[in-house]
Amino acid sequence: MSYLISNVPHFKCWVRREFTCNHLNYHGEYLHALAFAVNTIPDRSLSFQVVFTGSTEDENVHGGAMWARMPIQALVADIPVDD
């Protein structure tokens, strides 16, 4: 069903890490990501395709991994805040 997915202008975001392991671990942790497509399925929440960009602070095992149908509840905005 190709009509269910559409490209969107990519945007940076954070993904709640517990959404990557069935809500069993990693509560309160986040992974940096880039969302680039939206997926719409009837009777389901809006979901996005994201690619994890990784972190520069420590060794990253998640950089480059793509996740399809990440629900909108898992995304947190990455907007710079003025001081």
N, C-alpha and C. Protein backbone atom coordinates (compact mmCIF):
# COMPACT_ATOMS: atom_id res chain seq x y z
N MET A 1 0.84 -1.18 0.00
CA MET A 1 0.00 0.00 0.00
C MET A 1 0.88 1.24 0.00
N SER A 2 1.33 1.63 -1.16
CA SER A 2 2.28 2.73 -1.25
C SER A 2 1.67 4.08 -0.87
N TYR A 3 0.37 4.20 -0.87
CA TYR A 3 -0.25 5.48 -0.53
C TYR A 3 -0.19 5.79 0.96
N LEU A 4 0.25 4.85 1.76
CA LEU A 4 0.28 5.05 3.21
C LEU A 4 1.51 5.80 3.69
N ILE A 5 2.55 5.91 2.88
CA ILE A 5 3.79 6.55 3.30
C ILE A 5 4.12 7.70 2.38
N SER A 6 4.68 8.75 2.96
CA SER A 6 5.02 9.93 2.17
C SER A 6 6.27 10.58 2.73
N ASN A 7 7.09 11.12 1.86
CA ASN A 7 8.27 11.85 2.30
C ASN A 7 7.85 13.19 2.90
N VAL A 8 8.59 13.64 3.89
CA VAL A 8 8.39 14.95 4.49
C VAL A 8 9.74 15.63 4.56
N PRO A 9 9.76 16.97 4.66
CA PRO A 9 11.06 17.62 4.87
C PRO A 9 11.69 17.06 6.15
N HIS A 10 12.92 16.60 6.06
CA HIS A 10 13.54 15.96 7.22
C HIS A 10 13.71 16.95 8.37
N PHE A 11 13.65 16.42 9.57
CA PHE A 11 13.83 17.26 10.76
C PHE A 11 14.52 16.44 11.85
N LYS A 12 15.32 17.13 12.65
CA LYS A 12 16.02 16.48 13.75
C LYS A 12 15.06 16.29 14.91
N CYS A 13 15.24 15.19 15.64
CA CYS A 13 14.39 14.91 16.79
C CYS A 13 15.14 13.97 17.73
N TRP A 14 14.55 13.74 18.87
CA TRP A 14 15.03 12.75 19.83
C TRP A 14 13.98 11.67 19.92
N VAL A 15 14.40 10.42 20.05
CA VAL A 15 13.47 9.29 20.17
C VAL A 15 13.62 8.71 21.57
N ARG A 16 12.50 8.51 22.23
CA ARG A 16 12.53 7.87 23.55
C ARG A 16 13.00 6.43 23.38
N ARG A 17 14.10 6.12 24.03
CA ARG A 17 14.75 4.83 23.81
C ARG A 17 13.91 3.63 24.23
N GLU A 18 12.99 3.80 25.16
CA GLU A 18 12.16 2.66 25.57
C GLU A 18 11.28 2.14 24.43
N PHE A 19 11.04 2.99 23.40
CA PHE A 19 10.24 2.55 22.26
C PHE A 19 11.01 1.58 21.36
N THR A 20 12.32 1.45 21.56
CA THR A 20 13.13 0.54 20.75
C THR A 20 13.26 -0.84 21.37
N CYS A 21 12.73 -1.03 22.59
CA CYS A 21 12.88 -2.34 23.25
C CYS A 21 11.61 -2.73 24.01
N ASN A 22 10.45 -2.44 23.42
CA ASN A 22 9.17 -2.89 23.97
C ASN A 22 8.89 -2.35 25.37
N HIS A 23 9.38 -1.15 25.67
CA HIS A 23 9.14 -0.45 26.93
C HIS A 23 9.65 -1.20 28.16
N LEU A 24 10.61 -2.08 27.98
CA LEU A 24 11.13 -2.85 29.11
C LEU A 24 12.32 -2.19 29.79
N ASN A 25 13.15 -1.49 29.03
CA ASN A 25 14.37 -0.87 29.55
C ASN A 25 14.52 0.55 29.03
N TYR A 26 15.55 1.23 29.52
CA TYR A 26 16.01 2.53 29.00
C TYR A 26 15.03 3.68 29.21
N HIS A 27 14.20 3.64 30.21
CA HIS A 27 13.28 4.74 30.48
C HIS A 27 14.08 6.00 30.82
N GLY A 28 13.70 7.11 30.23
CA GLY A 28 14.38 8.38 30.47
C GLY A 28 15.60 8.60 29.60
N GLU A 29 15.92 7.67 28.71
CA GLU A 29 17.05 7.84 27.79
C GLU A 29 16.52 8.17 26.40
N TYR A 30 17.36 8.89 25.63
CA TYR A 30 16.94 9.34 24.30
C TYR A 30 18.03 9.07 23.28
N LEU A 31 17.61 8.86 22.04
CA LEU A 31 18.53 8.68 20.92
C LEU A 31 18.27 9.79 19.91
N HIS A 32 19.35 10.40 19.40
CA HIS A 32 19.18 11.45 18.41
C HIS A 32 18.85 10.83 17.06
N ALA A 33 17.92 11.42 16.34
CA ALA A 33 17.46 10.84 15.08
C ALA A 33 17.10 11.93 14.07
N LEU A 34 16.89 11.49 12.86
CA LEU A 34 16.44 12.35 11.77
C LEU A 34 15.21 11.69 11.17
N ALA A 35 14.06 12.37 11.25
CA ALA A 35 12.82 11.85 10.68
C ALA A 35 12.70 12.33 9.24
N PHE A 36 12.34 11.43 8.32
CA PHE A 36 12.30 11.81 6.91
C PHE A 36 11.06 11.35 6.16
N ALA A 37 10.20 10.57 6.80
CA ALA A 37 8.97 10.13 6.14
C ALA A 37 7.88 9.92 7.18
N VAL A 38 6.65 10.03 6.73
CA VAL A 38 5.50 9.84 7.62
C VAL A 38 4.68 8.67 7.08
N ASN A 39 4.12 7.92 8.01
CA ASN A 39 3.34 6.74 7.65
C ASN A 39 1.95 6.87 8.28
N THR A 40 0.93 6.71 7.47
CA THR A 40 -0.44 6.81 7.97
C THR A 40 -1.17 5.49 7.72
N ILE A 41 -1.68 4.92 8.78
CA ILE A 41 -2.45 3.68 8.69
C ILE A 41 -3.77 3.93 9.42
N PRO A 42 -4.89 3.58 8.82
CA PRO A 42 -6.18 3.82 9.49
C PRO A 42 -6.24 3.16 10.87
N ASP A 43 -6.83 3.86 11.83
CA ASP A 43 -7.01 3.39 13.20
C ASP A 43 -5.71 3.20 13.97
N ARG A 44 -4.64 3.85 13.54
CA ARG A 44 -3.36 3.82 14.26
C ARG A 44 -2.85 5.24 14.40
N SER A 45 -1.95 5.43 15.35
CA SER A 45 -1.37 6.76 15.52
C SER A 45 -0.41 7.06 14.38
N LEU A 46 -0.19 8.34 14.14
CA LEU A 46 0.73 8.77 13.10
C LEU A 46 2.12 8.25 13.43
N SER A 47 2.82 7.74 12.45
CA SER A 47 4.15 7.20 12.70
C SER A 47 5.14 7.73 11.67
N PHE A 48 6.42 7.67 12.01
CA PHE A 48 7.47 8.23 11.18
C PHE A 48 8.55 7.20 10.91
N GLN A 49 9.26 7.40 9.81
CA GLN A 49 10.47 6.64 9.56
C GLN A 49 11.62 7.52 9.99
N VAL A 50 12.50 6.96 10.83
CA VAL A 50 13.62 7.73 11.36
C VAL A 50 14.91 6.96 11.14
N VAL A 51 15.99 7.71 11.08
CA VAL A 51 17.32 7.11 11.06
C VAL A 51 18.07 7.69 12.25
N PHE A 52 18.66 6.82 13.05
CA PHE A 52 19.39 7.27 14.23
C PHE A 52 20.73 7.85 13.79
N THR A 53 21.03 9.05 14.26
CA THR A 53 22.26 9.73 13.84
C THR A 53 23.40 9.51 14.80
N GLY A 54 23.11 9.05 16.00
CA GLY A 54 24.18 8.77 16.94
C GLY A 54 24.55 9.97 17.78
N SER A 55 25.57 9.77 18.58
CA SER A 55 26.03 10.79 19.50
C SER A 55 27.52 10.97 19.34
N THR A 56 28.02 12.17 19.59
CA THR A 56 29.46 12.42 19.47
C THR A 56 30.17 12.28 20.80
N GLU A 57 29.43 12.18 21.90
CA GLU A 57 30.05 12.13 23.23
C GLU A 57 30.64 10.76 23.55
N ASP A 58 29.99 9.69 23.13
CA ASP A 58 30.45 8.36 23.52
C ASP A 58 30.38 7.41 22.33
N GLU A 59 30.84 6.19 22.54
CA GLU A 59 30.77 5.19 21.48
C GLU A 59 29.31 4.93 21.14
N ASN A 60 29.01 4.93 19.85
CA ASN A 60 27.62 4.83 19.43
C ASN A 60 27.39 3.56 18.63
N VAL A 61 26.49 2.75 19.10
CA VAL A 61 26.13 1.54 18.37
C VAL A 61 24.85 1.72 17.56
N HIS A 62 24.20 2.89 17.67
CA HIS A 62 22.92 3.10 17.01
C HIS A 62 23.01 3.99 15.77
N GLY A 63 24.13 4.64 15.53
CA GLY A 63 24.23 5.54 14.39
C GLY A 63 24.03 4.82 13.07
N GLY A 64 23.14 5.34 12.23
CA GLY A 64 22.88 4.76 10.92
C GLY A 64 21.74 3.76 10.88
N ALA A 65 21.25 3.33 12.01
CA ALA A 65 20.14 2.38 12.02
C ALA A 65 18.84 3.09 11.64
N MET A 66 18.03 2.45 10.82
CA MET A 66 16.74 3.04 10.43
C MET A 66 15.61 2.30 11.13
N TRP A 67 14.61 3.05 11.53
CA TRP A 67 13.44 2.46 12.20
C TRP A 67 12.20 2.93 11.46
N ALA A 68 11.40 1.98 11.03
CA ALA A 68 10.15 2.31 10.33
C ALA A 68 8.99 2.29 11.32
N ARG A 69 8.02 3.14 11.11
CA ARG A 69 6.80 3.21 11.92
C ARG A 69 7.06 3.50 13.39
N MET A 70 7.90 4.49 13.66
CA MET A 70 8.11 4.95 15.03
C MET A 70 6.93 5.87 15.36
N PRO A 71 6.14 5.55 16.38
CA PRO A 71 4.93 6.35 16.66
C PRO A 71 5.28 7.77 17.09
N ILE A 72 4.37 8.66 16.84
CA ILE A 72 4.59 10.07 17.15
C ILE A 72 4.82 10.29 18.65
N GLN A 73 4.30 9.41 19.49
CA GLN A 73 4.50 9.53 20.94
C GLN A 73 5.97 9.35 21.33
N ALA A 74 6.75 8.70 20.48
CA ALA A 74 8.15 8.43 20.79
C ALA A 74 9.07 9.60 20.44
N LEU A 75 8.59 10.55 19.65
CA LEU A 75 9.44 11.64 19.19
C LEU A 75 9.37 12.85 20.12
N VAL A 76 10.53 13.48 20.30
CA VAL A 76 10.64 14.70 21.08
C VAL A 76 11.35 15.71 20.18
N ALA A 77 10.85 16.94 20.15
CA ALA A 77 11.40 17.97 19.26
C ALA A 77 12.84 18.30 19.62
N ASP A 78 13.63 18.63 18.62
CA ASP A 78 15.00 19.07 18.79
C ASP A 78 15.08 20.52 18.31
N ILE A 79 14.54 21.41 19.13
CA ILE A 79 14.47 22.82 18.77
C ILE A 79 15.40 23.60 19.67
N PRO A 80 16.29 24.42 19.10
CA PRO A 80 17.16 25.23 19.96
C PRO A 80 16.33 26.22 20.79
N VAL A 81 16.68 26.36 22.06
CA VAL A 81 15.98 27.26 22.95
C VAL A 81 16.87 28.47 23.22
N ASP A 82 16.29 29.66 23.10
CA ASP A 82 17.04 30.88 23.38
C ASP A 82 17.31 30.98 24.89
N ASP A 83 18.49 31.42 25.24
CA ASP A 83 18.85 31.60 26.66
C ASP A 83 18.18 32.85 27.22
